[in-house]
Protein backbone atom coordinates (compact mmCIF):
# COMPACT_ATOMS: atom_id res chain seq x y z
CA MET A 1 10.64 -54.89 -1.28
CA ARG A 2 7.36 -56.72 -1.04
CA ASN A 3 5.09 -57.48 -3.93
CA SER A 4 1.78 -56.28 -2.57
CA PRO A 5 -1.00 -53.82 -3.42
CA ALA A 6 0.83 -51.26 -1.29
CA THR A 7 3.84 -51.29 -3.62
CA ALA A 8 2.08 -51.17 -6.97
CA VAL A 9 1.94 -47.80 -8.73
CA SER A 10 -0.87 -47.29 -11.22
CA SER A 11 -0.49 -45.46 -14.51
CA MET A 12 -0.99 -41.91 -13.35
CA PRO A 13 0.02 -38.30 -14.00
CA SER A 14 3.65 -37.17 -13.84
CA ALA A 15 5.46 -37.30 -10.52
CA ALA A 16 5.46 -33.53 -9.99
CA ASP A 17 1.70 -33.50 -10.38
CA HIS A 18 1.15 -35.71 -7.33
CA THR A 19 2.39 -33.06 -4.91
CA LYS A 20 0.14 -30.45 -6.53
CA TRP A 21 -2.76 -32.86 -6.16
CA LEU A 22 -1.99 -33.32 -2.45
CA GLU A 23 -1.87 -29.56 -1.94
CA SER A 24 -5.26 -29.22 -3.62
CA LEU A 25 -7.00 -31.46 -1.09
CA SER A 26 -8.92 -30.11 1.88
CA PRO A 27 -6.95 -30.44 5.12
CA TRP A 28 -10.19 -30.72 7.11
CA PRO A 29 -12.88 -33.41 6.80
CA GLU A 30 -16.53 -32.44 6.71
CA GLU A 31 -16.98 -34.86 9.59
CA PHE A 32 -14.31 -36.42 11.78
CA GLY A 33 -14.09 -40.20 11.78
CA LEU A 34 -11.99 -43.18 10.68
CA ASP A 35 -14.29 -45.00 8.25
CA ARG A 36 -12.84 -43.39 5.13
CA MET A 37 -9.25 -43.91 6.30
CA ARG A 38 -9.85 -47.59 7.03
CA GLU A 39 -11.48 -48.06 3.62
CA LEU A 40 -8.56 -46.30 1.94
CA LEU A 41 -6.08 -48.63 3.63
CA ARG A 42 -8.16 -51.67 2.63
CA GLU A 43 -7.94 -50.46 -0.98
CA LEU A 44 -4.15 -50.39 -0.55
CA GLY A 45 -3.85 -53.83 0.98
CA ASP A 46 -3.72 -52.70 4.62
CA PRO A 47 -0.03 -51.67 4.59
CA GLN A 48 -0.20 -50.61 8.25
CA ARG A 49 -0.24 -54.29 9.24
CA ALA A 50 3.24 -54.85 7.83
CA PHE A 51 5.12 -53.22 10.71
CA PRO A 52 4.79 -52.15 14.37
CA SER A 53 4.55 -48.41 15.06
CA ILE A 54 5.41 -46.04 17.88
CA HIS A 55 2.46 -43.67 17.79
CA VAL A 56 3.58 -40.20 18.85
CA VAL A 57 0.72 -37.94 19.88
CA GLY A 58 2.01 -34.54 18.97
CA TRP A 59 2.84 -33.10 15.84
CA ALA A 60 4.88 -34.03 12.58
CA GLU A 61 4.66 -34.00 8.80
CA ARG A 62 7.02 -35.75 6.42
CA ILE A 63 7.84 -39.30 5.34
CA ARG A 64 11.32 -40.60 6.13
CA VAL A 65 12.68 -44.12 5.71
CA GLY A 66 16.08 -45.19 7.02
CA GLY A 67 16.93 -41.63 8.00
CA ALA A 68 16.32 -40.19 4.53
CA GLU A 69 13.32 -38.48 3.00
CA ALA A 70 11.18 -40.78 0.87
CA ASP A 71 10.28 -39.94 -2.71
CA LEU A 72 7.04 -38.14 -1.87
CA ASP A 73 5.65 -38.12 -5.40
CA PHE A 74 6.24 -41.84 -5.81
CA ALA A 75 4.64 -42.49 -2.41
CA LEU A 76 1.60 -40.41 -3.37
CA ALA A 77 1.32 -42.23 -6.69
CA ARG A 78 0.63 -45.45 -4.79
CA VAL A 79 -2.43 -44.04 -3.08
CA ARG A 80 -3.82 -41.39 -5.41
CA VAL A 81 -6.39 -43.49 -7.29
CA ALA A 82 -7.85 -44.95 -4.12
CA ALA A 83 -7.72 -41.61 -2.30
CA GLN A 84 -9.55 -39.81 -5.11
CA LYS A 85 -12.15 -42.58 -5.27
CA LEU A 86 -12.93 -42.19 -1.56
CA GLY A 87 -12.64 -38.39 -1.37
CA ALA A 88 -9.78 -38.54 1.13
CA THR A 89 -8.58 -35.41 2.88
CA GLN A 90 -5.04 -34.09 2.58
CA PHE A 91 -3.90 -35.66 5.83
CA GLU A 92 -5.60 -38.98 5.09
CA ALA A 93 -3.86 -39.20 1.71
CA LEU A 94 -0.49 -38.28 3.20
CA THR A 95 -0.89 -40.74 6.07
CA ALA A 96 -1.86 -43.53 3.69
CA ALA A 97 1.14 -42.69 1.50
CA ALA A 98 3.43 -42.90 4.52
CA LEU A 99 2.06 -46.22 5.69
CA ALA A 100 2.28 -47.69 2.19
CA GLU A 101 5.85 -46.40 1.85
CA PHE A 102 6.83 -48.00 5.16
CA ALA A 103 5.37 -51.32 4.05
CA ALA A 104 7.10 -51.11 0.66
CA ALA A 105 10.44 -50.45 2.40
CA ASP A 106 9.82 -53.37 4.77
CA VAL A 107 10.65 -51.24 7.80
CA ASP A 108 11.11 -52.89 11.17
CA VAL A 109 9.31 -50.16 13.08
CA ALA A 110 7.62 -46.87 12.23
CA VAL A 111 7.26 -43.69 14.26
CA VAL A 112 3.93 -42.08 13.34
CA GLU A 113 2.77 -38.69 14.62
CA ALA A 114 -0.89 -37.85 15.00
CA GLY A 115 -2.26 -34.81 13.22
CA LEU A 116 -5.15 -33.74 15.44
CA GLY A 117 -5.97 -35.35 18.77
CA GLY A 118 -6.05 -39.11 18.41
CA ARG A 119 -9.45 -40.77 18.60
CA HIS A 120 -10.61 -39.69 15.11
CA ASP A 121 -7.20 -38.93 13.65
CA ALA A 122 -6.21 -40.67 10.41
CA THR A 123 -3.25 -42.27 12.18
CA ASN A 124 -5.52 -44.14 14.59
CA VAL A 125 -5.60 -47.23 12.38
CA LEU A 126 -2.49 -48.75 13.94
CA ASP A 127 -2.22 -51.29 16.72
CA ALA A 128 0.71 -49.42 18.19
CA PRO A 129 2.68 -51.27 20.89
CA VAL A 130 3.94 -47.92 22.24
CA VAL A 131 2.01 -44.64 22.40
CA VAL A 132 3.80 -41.42 23.42
CA LEU A 133 1.91 -38.48 24.89
CA THR A 134 4.33 -35.58 25.10
CA ASN A 135 2.12 -32.99 26.80
CA VAL A 136 -1.40 -31.61 26.75
CA SER A 137 -2.26 -27.98 26.08
CA LEU A 138 -5.48 -26.15 25.24
CA GLU A 139 -5.51 -26.34 21.46
CA HIS A 140 -8.22 -27.21 18.89
CA THR A 141 -10.72 -26.97 21.75
CA ASP A 142 -13.63 -26.76 19.30
CA VAL A 143 -12.87 -30.32 18.19
CA LEU A 144 -11.06 -31.95 21.13
CA GLY A 145 -12.83 -30.38 24.11
CA GLY A 146 -12.49 -27.35 26.33
CA THR A 147 -10.32 -28.80 29.10
CA ARG A 148 -6.93 -30.45 29.24
CA GLU A 149 -8.59 -33.54 30.69
CA ALA A 150 -10.95 -33.83 27.71
CA ILE A 151 -8.09 -33.31 25.26
CA ALA A 152 -5.96 -35.93 27.03
CA ALA A 153 -8.81 -38.41 26.73
CA GLU A 154 -9.02 -37.79 22.97
CA LYS A 155 -5.28 -38.30 22.58
CA LEU A 156 -5.11 -41.39 24.77
CA ALA A 157 -8.01 -42.99 22.90
CA VAL A 158 -5.40 -44.41 20.49
CA LEU A 159 -4.31 -46.88 23.17
CA GLY A 160 -5.27 -50.49 22.67
CA GLY A 161 -5.22 -53.30 25.19
CA GLU A 162 -1.70 -54.32 24.17
CA GLY A 163 -0.08 -50.88 24.00
CA PHE A 164 2.21 -49.20 26.51
CA ALA A 165 1.85 -45.48 27.23
CA VAL A 166 4.93 -43.25 27.61
CA LEU A 167 3.98 -39.96 29.26
CA GLY A 168 5.81 -36.68 29.58
CA GLU A 169 3.36 -35.47 32.24
CA PRO A 170 2.53 -37.71 35.22
CA GLU A 171 -1.00 -36.36 35.66
CA TRP A 172 -2.31 -38.51 32.78
CA GLU A 173 -1.26 -41.88 34.21
CA GLU A 174 -4.70 -42.74 35.57
CA GLN A 175 -6.40 -41.78 32.29
CA ALA A 176 -3.88 -43.83 30.32
CA ARG A 177 -4.63 -46.92 32.39
CA ALA A 178 -8.37 -46.31 32.05
CA ALA A 179 -7.93 -46.06 28.27
CA GLY A 180 -6.49 -49.58 28.23
CA ALA A 181 -2.73 -49.12 28.51
CA LYS A 182 -0.93 -52.40 29.13
CA GLY A 183 1.61 -50.44 31.11
CA VAL A 184 2.57 -46.81 31.76
CA VAL A 185 6.02 -45.22 31.74
CA VAL A 186 6.32 -41.68 33.12
CA THR A 187 9.48 -39.82 32.13
CA GLY A 188 10.81 -36.29 31.71
CA ASN A 189 9.06 -34.04 29.19
CA SER A 190 12.10 -33.33 27.04
CA ASN A 191 12.05 -34.78 23.53
CA LEU A 192 15.16 -36.83 24.27
CA ALA A 193 13.74 -38.31 27.47
CA LEU A 194 10.50 -39.26 25.72
CA ALA A 195 12.27 -40.74 22.71
CA LEU A 196 14.61 -42.74 24.89
CA ALA A 197 11.77 -44.07 27.04
CA ALA A 198 9.73 -44.99 23.94
CA VAL A 199 12.62 -46.90 22.36
CA GLU A 200 13.48 -48.71 25.58
CA THR A 201 9.85 -49.63 26.13
CA PHE A 202 9.58 -50.96 22.59
CA LEU A 203 12.84 -52.93 22.70
CA GLY A 204 12.49 -54.06 26.29
CA HIS A 205 16.04 -53.11 27.30
CA PRO A 206 18.13 -49.97 27.97
CA VAL A 207 19.79 -48.12 25.09
CA ASP A 208 22.70 -45.69 24.95
CA PRO A 209 21.35 -42.12 24.51
CA ALA A 210 24.66 -40.97 23.00
CA ALA A 211 23.33 -41.72 19.52
CA ALA A 212 20.92 -38.79 19.87
CA GLU A 213 23.48 -36.20 20.97
CA ASP A 214 24.05 -34.78 17.50
CA VAL A 215 20.45 -34.98 16.30
CA GLN A 216 19.14 -31.68 14.97
CA VAL A 217 15.52 -31.29 13.95
CA PRO A 218 14.77 -28.57 11.39
CA GLY A 219 12.61 -25.86 12.89
CA ARG A 220 13.26 -26.87 16.50
CA MET A 221 15.76 -24.55 18.19
CA GLU A 222 17.54 -24.42 14.85
CA ARG A 223 20.57 -22.12 14.87
CA ILE A 224 20.75 -20.51 11.43
CA SER A 225 23.67 -18.12 11.95
CA ASP A 226 25.93 -16.52 14.54
CA ARG A 227 26.21 -12.98 13.13
CA PRO A 228 23.57 -12.09 13.91
CA LEU A 229 22.58 -14.95 16.16
CA GLU A 230 19.50 -16.29 14.36
CA ILE A 231 17.28 -19.06 15.69
CA TRP A 232 14.26 -20.64 14.02
CA ASP A 233 11.69 -22.51 16.08
CA GLY A 234 8.23 -23.55 14.99
CA ALA A 235 6.55 -22.95 18.35
CA HIS A 236 2.95 -22.61 17.19
CA ASN A 237 1.03 -22.29 20.44
CA LEU A 238 1.48 -20.85 23.93
CA ALA A 239 2.88 -24.08 25.35
CA GLY A 240 5.46 -24.23 22.56
CA VAL A 241 6.48 -20.62 23.17
CA GLY A 242 6.84 -21.34 26.88
CA TRP A 243 9.12 -24.29 26.11
CA LEU A 244 11.17 -22.10 23.77
CA LEU A 245 11.58 -19.17 26.17
CA ALA A 246 13.13 -21.42 28.80
CA ARG A 247 15.82 -22.61 26.37
CA LEU A 248 16.84 -19.58 24.33
CA PRO A 249 20.25 -17.98 24.92
CA ALA A 250 19.88 -14.85 27.04
CA ARG A 251 19.80 -12.07 24.43
CA ARG A 252 17.56 -9.25 23.24
CA TYR A 253 15.88 -10.46 20.07
CA VAL A 254 14.18 -8.98 17.06
CA VAL A 255 11.25 -11.39 16.70
CA VAL A 256 9.80 -12.50 13.35
CA ALA A 257 6.38 -14.12 13.65
CA SER A 258 3.41 -15.46 11.77
CA ILE A 259 0.56 -17.11 13.69
CA LEU A 260 -2.53 -19.04 12.61
CA THR A 261 -6.01 -17.75 13.33
CA ASP A 262 -6.96 -20.69 15.56
CA LYS A 263 -4.12 -20.03 18.02
CA ASP A 264 -4.11 -17.73 21.05
CA ALA A 265 -2.10 -15.09 19.22
CA ASP A 266 -2.41 -12.46 21.96
CA ALA A 267 -1.04 -14.79 24.62
CA MET A 268 1.80 -15.90 22.34
CA LEU A 269 2.72 -12.30 21.53
CA ALA A 270 2.62 -11.32 25.19
CA ALA A 271 5.00 -14.17 26.03
CA LEU A 272 7.36 -13.34 23.17
CA SER A 273 7.47 -9.67 24.17
CA VAL A 274 9.85 -10.49 27.04
CA LEU A 275 12.55 -11.14 24.43
CA GLY A 276 12.85 -7.62 23.05
CA ASP A 277 11.18 -4.43 21.87
CA GLN A 278 10.92 -5.19 18.15
CA ILE A 279 8.79 -7.60 16.15
CA VAL A 280 8.45 -8.08 12.40
CA VAL A 281 5.14 -9.72 11.49
CA ALA A 282 4.47 -11.61 8.27
CA THR A 283 1.80 -13.79 6.69
CA SER A 284 2.65 -17.43 6.01
CA SER A 285 1.21 -19.21 2.99
CA ASN A 286 -1.21 -21.21 5.12
CA PRO A 287 -4.82 -20.09 4.48
CA ARG A 288 -5.44 -20.00 8.23
CA ALA A 289 -2.62 -17.52 8.89
CA LEU A 290 -3.51 -14.17 10.41
CA SER A 291 -2.82 -11.37 7.98
CA ALA A 292 0.34 -9.42 8.72
CA GLY A 293 -1.81 -6.33 9.28
CA ASP A 294 -4.03 -8.04 11.83
CA LEU A 295 -1.10 -9.62 13.61
CA GLY A 296 0.72 -6.30 13.64
CA ALA A 297 -2.26 -4.58 15.26
CA ARG A 298 -2.30 -7.23 17.97
CA ALA A 299 1.46 -7.04 18.44
CA ALA A 300 1.33 -3.28 19.01
CA ARG A 301 -0.12 -3.97 22.47
CA PHE A 302 3.06 -5.78 23.49
CA PHE A 303 5.96 -4.47 21.37
CA PRO A 304 7.05 -0.81 21.15
CA VAL A 305 8.28 -1.34 17.58
CA VAL A 306 6.17 -3.29 15.09
CA ASN A 307 7.19 -3.73 11.46
CA VAL A 308 4.58 -5.21 9.11
CA VAL A 309 6.24 -7.08 6.21
CA GLU A 310 3.90 -9.36 4.30
CA GLU A 311 6.39 -11.78 2.72
CA PRO A 312 8.23 -14.11 5.16
CA ALA A 313 11.64 -13.90 3.45
CA ASP A 314 11.44 -10.10 3.37
CA ALA A 315 10.42 -10.09 7.02
CA VAL A 316 13.51 -12.07 7.99
CA GLY A 317 15.65 -9.71 5.94
CA ALA A 318 14.17 -6.72 7.76
CA ALA A 319 14.79 -8.37 11.14
CA ARG A 320 18.41 -9.11 10.27
CA GLU A 321 18.94 -5.50 9.26
CA ALA A 322 17.33 -4.24 12.47
CA ALA A 323 19.40 -6.59 14.64
CA GLY A 324 22.76 -5.93 13.01
CA GLU A 325 25.66 -8.37 13.12
CA GLU A 326 25.94 -8.18 16.90
CA GLY A 327 22.23 -8.65 17.54
CA ALA A 328 19.85 -11.62 17.61
CA VAL A 329 16.84 -12.72 15.56
CA LEU A 330 14.16 -15.26 16.50
CA VAL A 331 11.82 -16.60 13.80
CA THR A 332 8.82 -18.38 15.30
CA GLY A 333 5.04 -18.73 15.62
CA SER A 334 4.32 -21.30 12.91
CA LEU A 335 6.01 -24.19 11.13
CA TYR A 336 4.30 -22.93 7.98
CA LEU A 337 6.33 -19.74 8.32
CA LEU A 338 9.54 -21.77 8.46
CA ALA A 339 8.47 -23.83 5.45
CA ASP A 340 7.98 -20.60 3.49
CA LEU A 341 11.59 -19.68 4.24
CA ALA A 342 13.08 -22.69 2.45
CA ALA A 343 14.66 -20.43 -0.18
CA VAL A 344 16.69 -18.55 2.45
CA ARG A 345 17.52 -21.54 4.65
CA PRO A 346 21.28 -22.27 4.71
CA PRO A 347 22.23 -25.79 3.58
CA THR A 348 23.82 -26.56 6.94
CA PRO A 349 22.64 -25.01 10.24
CA VAL A 350 25.22 -23.73 12.72
CA PRO A 351 25.85 -26.38 15.40
CA TRP A 352 25.17 -25.56 19.02
CA ARG A 353 28.36 -25.24 21.05
CA PRO A 354 28.70 -26.15 24.72
């Protein structure tokens, strides 16, 4: 490890307290911008300069090094004093902790996912040699703009003059070049195709995709059980639901859902209604979650049978009972919902079989 400001941990509260501190921070800034994030990183010795990064414009949340989860409390301890001094938001503190952890571990390359858009996102402090734009949907329009073109421009603003753009949708190639992309690679919009193209662009030579065959991402088409068939997927907007519907096994499902207030809940529910007649609605722990009662009232327009169960774990239990051993359950609508189900998550998901 390096001996730098990024690796030093000040005398601070107990480790468990750091996570509580992070949870206490506001997830939203009063005003979007990068000044506070840049100042925070300067306080930490600019750890983001210690490694190249593949900047993924999408969505992601935890810190992993070498394939294993980092010690989150220890990572937060590195940044807490500086973050409190500057009034950092939750995402700024977490991003700084990740970058400092990567520098401390002397990583060769980091994959960093943006939180919201790109231009003013806390992750836009990196001179990323590769930027991945998976897809563009109408989300956070109050901040990013009311059209897909405007949102794409906000996401592609992370490109620098030396960065390559890897795109899952060909329509953004012209905008990527206008934003300063050194080169543009257009590939398929599957996660594997995008990951493979990003790695090959970064390394400059082909790689064998076989290494990714057994990769399973929690909360992404995650098969929890076979009896009943139970699948968890954190599709949190209409585009995510559309992606999911095209890939689910052909069954009739009892759906379990919680959806945030800033999503198009009605459109998501309408799309999910093709899967079956029953839905169990819950309220995730996120403050922006629709109440189970409100979501249930909306769901009644699309599902003949609506069961309102406030607690997520109880909602899943009710869905399993309704489905029976021969039935199928889909848990979806929000990654926060899946996070709330940690207590009932099996230690090892059921593998997908050909």
